[in-house]
């Protein structure tokens, strides 16, 4: 947590709509892109749309993979983590065509996931407290954590999984973050290294 006028740590937690839309398009079109991180399918599952088959060509998968790598790196950067469809998906005609065909359904799917998160918070469902994890690491190392920033990108994908994208950016599944013990075990080494 960062306090005004002090040096401390900062964790940003988010589920960027642009990434979710891209994953929705991938799943709806049945694309099989080759990426460094093989991201599982979305949960709840997105229906494979037969009408997208003519657009789901190998070029679209390659364009999706390039877009994904760039967008994931951008999310870990210091720039504003917002979504601009014209800039975010401007990687190629084939992928762009899929986005145009899916965008309305993808935004609706994203809105439903956001509503689920809000409902869970309203119900008081347990959610992780990254601050508690940092305090445990501080106790372990015997000092306050050095100032650091960490972007935690949460995605509603299958399984309890996570990936370290860079020194200051991790991606975790919603299922991993919803399991306090597993999330703590997975994230502690990252925090320990940064602290």
C-alpha atoms as a PDB file:
ATOM      1  CA  UNK A   1       0.000   0.000   0.000  1.00  0.00           C
ATOM      2  CA  UNK A   2       1.354   3.458  -0.796  1.00  0.00           C
ATOM      3  CA  UNK A   3       0.740   6.456   1.416  1.00  0.00           C
ATOM      4  CA  UNK A   4       1.022  10.032   0.197  1.00  0.00           C
ATOM      5  CA  UNK A   5       4.470  11.469   0.786  1.00  0.00           C
ATOM      6  CA  UNK A   6       6.087   8.133   1.600  1.00  0.00           C
ATOM      7  CA  UNK A   7       8.015   5.444  -0.207  1.00  0.00           C
ATOM      8  CA  UNK A   8       6.281   2.131   0.004  1.00  0.00           C
ATOM      9  CA  UNK A   9       4.986  -0.709  -2.116  1.00  0.00           C
ATOM     10  CA  UNK A  10       2.055  -0.667  -4.498  1.00  0.00           C
ATOM     11  CA  UNK A  11       0.083  -3.542  -6.011  1.00  0.00           C
ATOM     12  CA  UNK A  12      -2.439  -2.897  -8.756  1.00  0.00           C
ATOM     13  CA  UNK A  13      -5.060  -5.587  -9.271  1.00  0.00           C
ATOM     14  CA  UNK A  14      -7.124  -5.591 -12.444  1.00  0.00           C
ATOM     15  CA  UNK A  15      -8.901  -7.501 -15.182  1.00  0.00           C
ATOM     16  CA  UNK A  16      -8.343  -5.313 -18.247  1.00  0.00           C
ATOM     17  CA  UNK A  17     -11.314  -5.364 -20.578  1.00  0.00           C
ATOM     18  CA  UNK A  18      -9.066  -5.371 -23.642  1.00  0.00           C
ATOM     19  CA  UNK A  19      -7.449  -8.655 -22.613  1.00  0.00           C
ATOM     20  CA  UNK A  20     -10.828 -10.208 -21.841  1.00  0.00           C
ATOM     21  CA  UNK A  21     -12.234  -9.135 -25.203  1.00  0.00           C
ATOM     22  CA  UNK A  22      -9.238 -10.614 -26.979  1.00  0.00           C
ATOM     23  CA  UNK A  23      -9.621 -13.896 -25.107  1.00  0.00           C
ATOM     24  CA  UNK A  24     -13.340 -13.924 -25.898  1.00  0.00           C
ATOM     25  CA  UNK A  25     -12.583 -13.501 -29.615  1.00  0.00           C
ATOM     26  CA  UNK A  26      -9.954 -16.266 -29.458  1.00  0.00           C
ATOM     27  CA  UNK A  27     -12.400 -18.693 -27.846  1.00  0.00           C
ATOM     28  CA  UNK A  28     -15.460 -17.744 -29.927  1.00  0.00           C
ATOM     29  CA  UNK A  29     -13.500 -18.123 -33.173  1.00  0.00           C
ATOM     30  CA  UNK A  30     -11.639 -21.249 -32.086  1.00  0.00           C
ATOM     31  CA  UNK A  31      -8.243 -19.669 -32.745  1.00  0.00           C
ATOM     32  CA  UNK A  32      -5.151 -21.630 -31.761  1.00  0.00           C
ATOM     33  CA  UNK A  33      -2.439 -18.970 -31.461  1.00  0.00           C
ATOM     34  CA  UNK A  34       1.123 -19.817 -30.472  1.00  0.00           C
ATOM     35  CA  UNK A  35       2.160 -17.675 -27.543  1.00  0.00           C
ATOM     36  CA  UNK A  36       4.845 -17.829 -24.865  1.00  0.00           C
ATOM     37  CA  UNK A  37       2.157 -18.462 -22.238  1.00  0.00           C
ATOM     38  CA  UNK A  38      -0.572 -20.891 -23.248  1.00  0.00           C
ATOM     39  CA  UNK A  39      -3.525 -19.151 -21.622  1.00  0.00           C
ATOM     40  CA  UNK A  40      -6.422 -21.524 -20.824  1.00  0.00           C
ATOM     41  CA  UNK A  41      -9.961 -20.992 -22.092  1.00  0.00           C
ATOM     42  CA  UNK A  42     -12.266 -18.513 -20.422  1.00  0.00           C
ATOM     43  CA  UNK A  43     -14.642 -19.418 -17.594  1.00  0.00           C
ATOM     44  CA  UNK A  44     -17.540 -19.513 -18.059  1.00  0.00           C
ATOM     45  CA  UNK A  45     -16.832 -21.039 -21.418  1.00  0.00           C
ATOM     46  CA  UNK A  46     -17.451 -19.010 -24.540  1.00  0.00           C
ATOM     47  CA  UNK A  47     -19.466 -20.808 -27.192  1.00  0.00           C
ATOM     48  CA  UNK A  48     -17.591 -21.611 -30.399  1.00  0.00           C
ATOM     49  CA  UNK A  49     -19.370 -19.709 -33.163  1.00  0.00           C
ATOM     50  CA  UNK A  50     -19.688 -21.514 -36.488  1.00  0.00           C
ATOM     51  CA  UNK A  51     -20.349 -18.207 -38.284  1.00  0.00           C
ATOM     52  CA  UNK A  52     -16.781 -17.121 -37.454  1.00  0.00           C
ATOM     53  CA  UNK A  53     -15.131 -20.137 -39.118  1.00  0.00           C
ATOM     54  CA  UNK A  54     -14.507 -18.339 -42.450  1.00  0.00           C
ATOM     55  CA  UNK A  55     -12.646 -15.598 -40.564  1.00  0.00           C
ATOM     56  CA  UNK A  56     -10.705 -17.905 -38.226  1.00  0.00           C
ATOM     57  CA  UNK A  57      -7.803 -18.361 -40.643  1.00  0.00           C
ATOM     58  CA  UNK A  58      -4.159 -19.005 -39.635  1.00  0.00           C
ATOM     59  CA  UNK A  59      -3.337 -15.323 -40.218  1.00  0.00           C
ATOM     60  CA  UNK A  60      -5.924 -14.352 -37.591  1.00  0.00           C
ATOM     61  CA  UNK A  61      -4.250 -16.669 -35.053  1.00  0.00           C
ATOM     62  CA  UNK A  62      -0.826 -15.194 -35.818  1.00  0.00           C
ATOM     63  CA  UNK A  63      -2.194 -11.657 -35.539  1.00  0.00           C
ATOM     64  CA  UNK A  64      -3.911 -12.541 -32.271  1.00  0.00           C
ATOM     65  CA  UNK A  65      -0.619 -13.898 -30.859  1.00  0.00           C
ATOM     66  CA  UNK A  66       1.267 -10.704 -31.762  1.00  0.00           C
ATOM     67  CA  UNK A  67      -1.511  -8.589 -30.296  1.00  0.00           C
ATOM     68  CA  UNK A  68      -1.596 -10.653 -27.080  1.00  0.00           C
ATOM     69  CA  UNK A  69       2.145 -10.354 -26.457  1.00  0.00           C
ATOM     70  CA  UNK A  70       2.084  -6.592 -27.019  1.00  0.00           C
ATOM     71  CA  UNK A  71      -1.064  -6.021 -24.934  1.00  0.00           C
ATOM     72  CA  UNK A  72       0.189  -8.146 -22.049  1.00  0.00           C
ATOM     73  CA  UNK A  73       3.469  -6.191 -22.014  1.00  0.00           C
ATOM     74  CA  UNK A  74       1.543  -2.923 -22.140  1.00  0.00           C
ATOM     75  CA  UNK A  75      -0.573  -3.952 -19.137  1.00  0.00           C
ATOM     76  CA  UNK A  76       2.611  -4.427 -17.114  1.00  0.00           C
ATOM     77  CA  UNK A  77       3.942  -1.019 -18.124  1.00  0.00           C
ATOM     78  CA  UNK A  78       3.443   2.317 -16.467  1.00  0.00           C
ATOM     79  CA  UNK A  79       1.058   3.694 -19.084  1.00  0.00           C
ATOM     80  CA  UNK A  80      -2.673   3.938 -18.486  1.00  0.00           C
ATOM     81  CA  UNK A  81      -4.242   0.476 -18.618  1.00  0.00           C
ATOM     82  CA  UNK A  82      -7.252   1.312 -20.721  1.00  0.00           C
ATOM     83  CA  UNK A  83      -8.871  -0.188 -23.772  1.00  0.00           C
ATOM     84  CA  UNK A  84      -9.030   1.480 -27.155  1.00  0.00           C
ATOM     85  CA  UNK A  85     -10.492  -0.894 -29.766  1.00  0.00           C
ATOM     86  CA  UNK A  86      -9.003   0.870 -32.760  1.00  0.00           C
ATOM     87  CA  UNK A  87      -5.484   0.879 -31.291  1.00  0.00           C
ATOM     88  CA  UNK A  88      -5.741  -2.308 -29.228  1.00  0.00           C
ATOM     89  CA  UNK A  89      -6.836  -4.589 -32.034  1.00  0.00           C
ATOM     90  CA  UNK A  90      -5.244  -2.922 -35.048  1.00  0.00           C
ATOM     91  CA  UNK A  91      -2.868  -5.785 -35.770  1.00  0.00           C
ATOM     92  CA  UNK A  92      -4.355  -7.106 -38.976  1.00  0.00           C
ATOM     93  CA  UNK A  93      -7.393  -7.335 -41.179  1.00  0.00           C
ATOM     94  CA  UNK A  94      -8.280 -10.912 -40.270  1.00  0.00           C
ATOM     95  CA  UNK A  95      -8.106 -10.457 -36.506  1.00  0.00           C
ATOM     96  CA  UNK A  96      -9.801  -7.069 -36.812  1.00  0.00           C
ATOM     97  CA  UNK A  97     -12.682  -8.694 -38.697  1.00  0.00           C
ATOM     98  CA  UNK A  98     -13.162 -11.198 -35.896  1.00  0.00           C
ATOM     99  CA  UNK A  99     -13.164  -8.436 -33.314  1.00  0.00           C
ATOM    100  CA  UNK A 100     -15.806  -6.501 -35.221  1.00  0.00           C
ATOM    101  CA  UNK A 101     -18.012  -9.599 -35.447  1.00  0.00           C
ATOM    102  CA  UNK A 102     -17.632 -10.416 -31.731  1.00  0.00           C
ATOM    103  CA  UNK A 103     -17.287  -7.053 -30.033  1.00  0.00           C
ATOM    104  CA  UNK A 104     -20.880  -6.618 -28.849  1.00  0.00           C
ATOM    105  CA  UNK A 105     -21.031 -10.163 -27.408  1.00  0.00           C
ATOM    106  CA  UNK A 106     -17.538  -9.802 -25.918  1.00  0.00           C
ATOM    107  CA  UNK A 107     -18.406  -6.564 -24.132  1.00  0.00           C
ATOM    108  CA  UNK A 108     -21.595  -8.158 -22.783  1.00  0.00           C
ATOM    109  CA  UNK A 109     -19.568 -11.160 -21.541  1.00  0.00           C
ATOM    110  CA  UNK A 110     -17.083  -8.790 -19.845  1.00  0.00           C
ATOM    111  CA  UNK A 111     -19.903  -6.805 -18.247  1.00  0.00           C
ATOM    112  CA  UNK A 112     -21.364 -10.011 -16.822  1.00  0.00           C
ATOM    113  CA  UNK A 113     -17.981 -10.948 -15.296  1.00  0.00           C
ATOM    114  CA  UNK A 114     -17.669  -7.494 -13.760  1.00  0.00           C
ATOM    115  CA  UNK A 115     -21.162  -7.812 -12.317  1.00  0.00           C
ATOM    116  CA  UNK A 116     -20.224 -11.189 -10.813  1.00  0.00           C
ATOM    117  CA  UNK A 117     -17.216  -9.609  -9.109  1.00  0.00           C
ATOM    118  CA  UNK A 118     -19.333  -6.774  -7.731  1.00  0.00           C
ATOM    119  CA  UNK A 119     -21.962  -9.242  -6.487  1.00  0.00           C
ATOM    120  CA  UNK A 120     -19.265 -11.318  -4.757  1.00  0.00           C
ATOM    121  CA  UNK A 121     -17.937  -8.243  -2.967  1.00  0.00           C
ATOM    122  CA  UNK A 122     -21.469  -7.210  -1.982  1.00  0.00           C
ATOM    123  CA  UNK A 123     -22.114 -10.685  -0.545  1.00  0.00           C
ATOM    124  CA  UNK A 124     -18.901 -10.391   1.440  1.00  0.00           C
ATOM    125  CA  UNK A 125     -17.220 -13.349  -0.253  1.00  0.00           C
ATOM    126  CA  UNK A 126     -13.664 -13.741   0.980  1.00  0.00           C
ATOM    127  CA  UNK A 127     -11.127 -12.027  -1.198  1.00  0.00           C
ATOM    128  CA  UNK A 128      -7.356 -11.894  -0.929  1.00  0.00           C
ATOM    129  CA  UNK A 129      -5.636  -9.155   0.982  1.00  0.00           C
ATOM    130  CA  UNK A 130      -2.320  -8.549  -0.708  1.00  0.00           C
ATOM    131  CA  UNK A 131      -1.370  -6.234   2.161  1.00  0.00           C
ATOM    132  CA  UNK A 132      -1.502  -9.169   4.579  1.00  0.00           C
ATOM    133  CA  UNK A 133       0.820 -11.114   2.320  1.00  0.00           C
ATOM    134  CA  UNK A 134       3.335  -8.245   2.220  1.00  0.00           C
ATOM    135  CA  UNK A 135       3.207  -7.973   6.014  1.00  0.00           C
ATOM    136  CA  UNK A 136       3.963 -11.714   6.316  1.00  0.00           C
ATOM    137  CA  UNK A 137       6.966 -11.314   4.017  1.00  0.00           C
ATOM    138  CA  UNK A 138       8.143  -8.308   6.042  1.00  0.00           C
ATOM    139  CA  UNK A 139       7.962 -10.401   9.226  1.00  0.00           C
ATOM    140  CA  UNK A 140       9.899 -13.167   7.487  1.00  0.00           C
ATOM    141  CA  UNK A 141      12.687 -10.876   6.236  1.00  0.00           C
ATOM    142  CA  UNK A 142      12.777  -8.807   9.436  1.00  0.00           C
ATOM    143  CA  UNK A 143      12.297  -5.380   7.856  1.00  0.00           C
ATOM    144  CA  UNK A 144       9.878  -3.207   5.922  1.00  0.00           C
ATOM    145  CA  UNK A 145       9.564  -4.027   2.244  1.00  0.00           C
ATOM    146  CA  UNK A 146      11.561  -1.876  -0.149  1.00  0.00           C
ATOM    147  CA  UNK A 147       9.401   0.311  -2.379  1.00  0.00           C
ATOM    148  CA  UNK A 148       8.088  -1.773  -5.283  1.00  0.00           C
ATOM    149  CA  UNK A 149       5.225  -1.862  -7.731  1.00  0.00           C
ATOM    150  CA  UNK A 150       3.515  -5.037  -8.892  1.00  0.00           C
ATOM    151  CA  UNK A 151       0.743  -5.361 -11.464  1.00  0.00           C
ATOM    152  CA  UNK A 152      -1.512  -8.372 -10.825  1.00  0.00           C
ATOM    153  CA  UNK A 153      -3.666  -9.117 -13.855  1.00  0.00           C
ATOM    154  CA  UNK A 154      -6.563 -11.409 -12.964  1.00  0.00           C
ATOM    155  CA  UNK A 155      -8.217 -13.400 -15.746  1.00  0.00           C
ATOM    156  CA  UNK A 156     -11.301 -15.643 -15.540  1.00  0.00           C
ATOM    157  CA  UNK A 157      -9.647 -18.659 -17.163  1.00  0.00           C
ATOM    158  CA  UNK A 158      -9.735 -22.395 -16.450  1.00  0.00           C
ATOM    159  CA  UNK A 159      -7.704 -23.765 -13.588  1.00  0.00           C
ATOM    160  CA  UNK A 160      -5.820 -22.399 -10.634  1.00  0.00           C
ATOM    161  CA  UNK A 161      -2.828 -21.005 -12.522  1.00  0.00           C
ATOM    162  CA  UNK A 162      -0.481 -18.039 -12.669  1.00  0.00           C
ATOM    163  CA  UNK A 163       2.435 -16.724 -14.719  1.00  0.00           C
ATOM    164  CA  UNK A 164       5.180 -14.211 -14.145  1.00  0.00           C
ATOM    165  CA  UNK A 165       5.197 -11.976 -17.202  1.00  0.00           C
ATOM    166  CA  UNK A 166       8.005  -9.708 -15.996  1.00  0.00           C
ATOM    167  CA  UNK A 167       9.679  -8.727 -12.736  1.00  0.00           C
ATOM    168  CA  UNK A 168       6.776  -6.405 -11.905  1.00  0.00           C
ATOM    169  CA  UNK A 169       3.820  -8.077 -13.643  1.00  0.00           C
ATOM    170  CA  UNK A 170       2.032 -11.346 -12.928  1.00  0.00           C
ATOM    171  CA  UNK A 171      -1.077 -12.914 -14.423  1.00  0.00           C
ATOM    172  CA  UNK A 172      -3.279 -15.107 -12.245  1.00  0.00           C
ATOM    173  CA  UNK A 173      -6.502 -16.948 -12.839  1.00  0.00           C
ATOM    174  CA  UNK A 174      -9.566 -15.889 -10.904  1.00  0.00           C
ATOM    175  CA  UNK A 175      -9.613 -19.376  -9.366  1.00  0.00           C
ATOM    176  CA  UNK A 176      -6.061 -18.997  -8.037  1.00  0.00           C
ATOM    177  CA  UNK A 177      -6.778 -15.594  -6.519  1.00  0.00           C
ATOM    178  CA  UNK A 178     -10.010 -16.948  -4.969  1.00  0.00           C
ATOM    179  CA  UNK A 179      -8.057 -19.620  -3.072  1.00  0.00           C
ATOM    180  CA  UNK A 180      -6.285 -17.687  -0.284  1.00  0.00           C
ATOM    181  CA  UNK A 181      -3.773 -20.408   0.630  1.00  0.00           C
ATOM    182  CA  UNK A 182      -2.842 -21.278  -2.964  1.00  0.00           C
ATOM    183  CA  UNK A 183      -2.623 -17.607  -3.939  1.00  0.00           C
ATOM    184  CA  UNK A 184      -0.427 -16.825  -0.930  1.00  0.00           C
ATOM    185  CA  UNK A 185       1.869 -19.770  -1.756  1.00  0.00           C
ATOM    186  CA  UNK A 186       2.100 -18.718  -5.401  1.00  0.00           C
ATOM    187  CA  UNK A 187       2.594 -14.965  -4.856  1.00  0.00           C
ATOM    188  CA  UNK A 188       4.855 -15.014  -1.774  1.00  0.00           C
ATOM    189  CA  UNK A 189       8.094 -15.772  -3.705  1.00  0.00           C
ATOM    190  CA  UNK A 190       7.342 -12.883  -6.072  1.00  0.00           C
ATOM    191  CA  UNK A 191       6.742 -10.461  -3.211  1.00  0.00           C
ATOM    192  CA  UNK A 192       9.791 -11.768  -1.325  1.00  0.00           C
ATOM    193  CA  UNK A 193      11.988 -11.067  -4.354  1.00  0.00           C
ATOM    194  CA  UNK A 194      10.613  -7.537  -4.763  1.00  0.00           C
ATOM    195  CA  UNK A 195      10.673  -6.698  -1.053  1.00  0.00           C
END
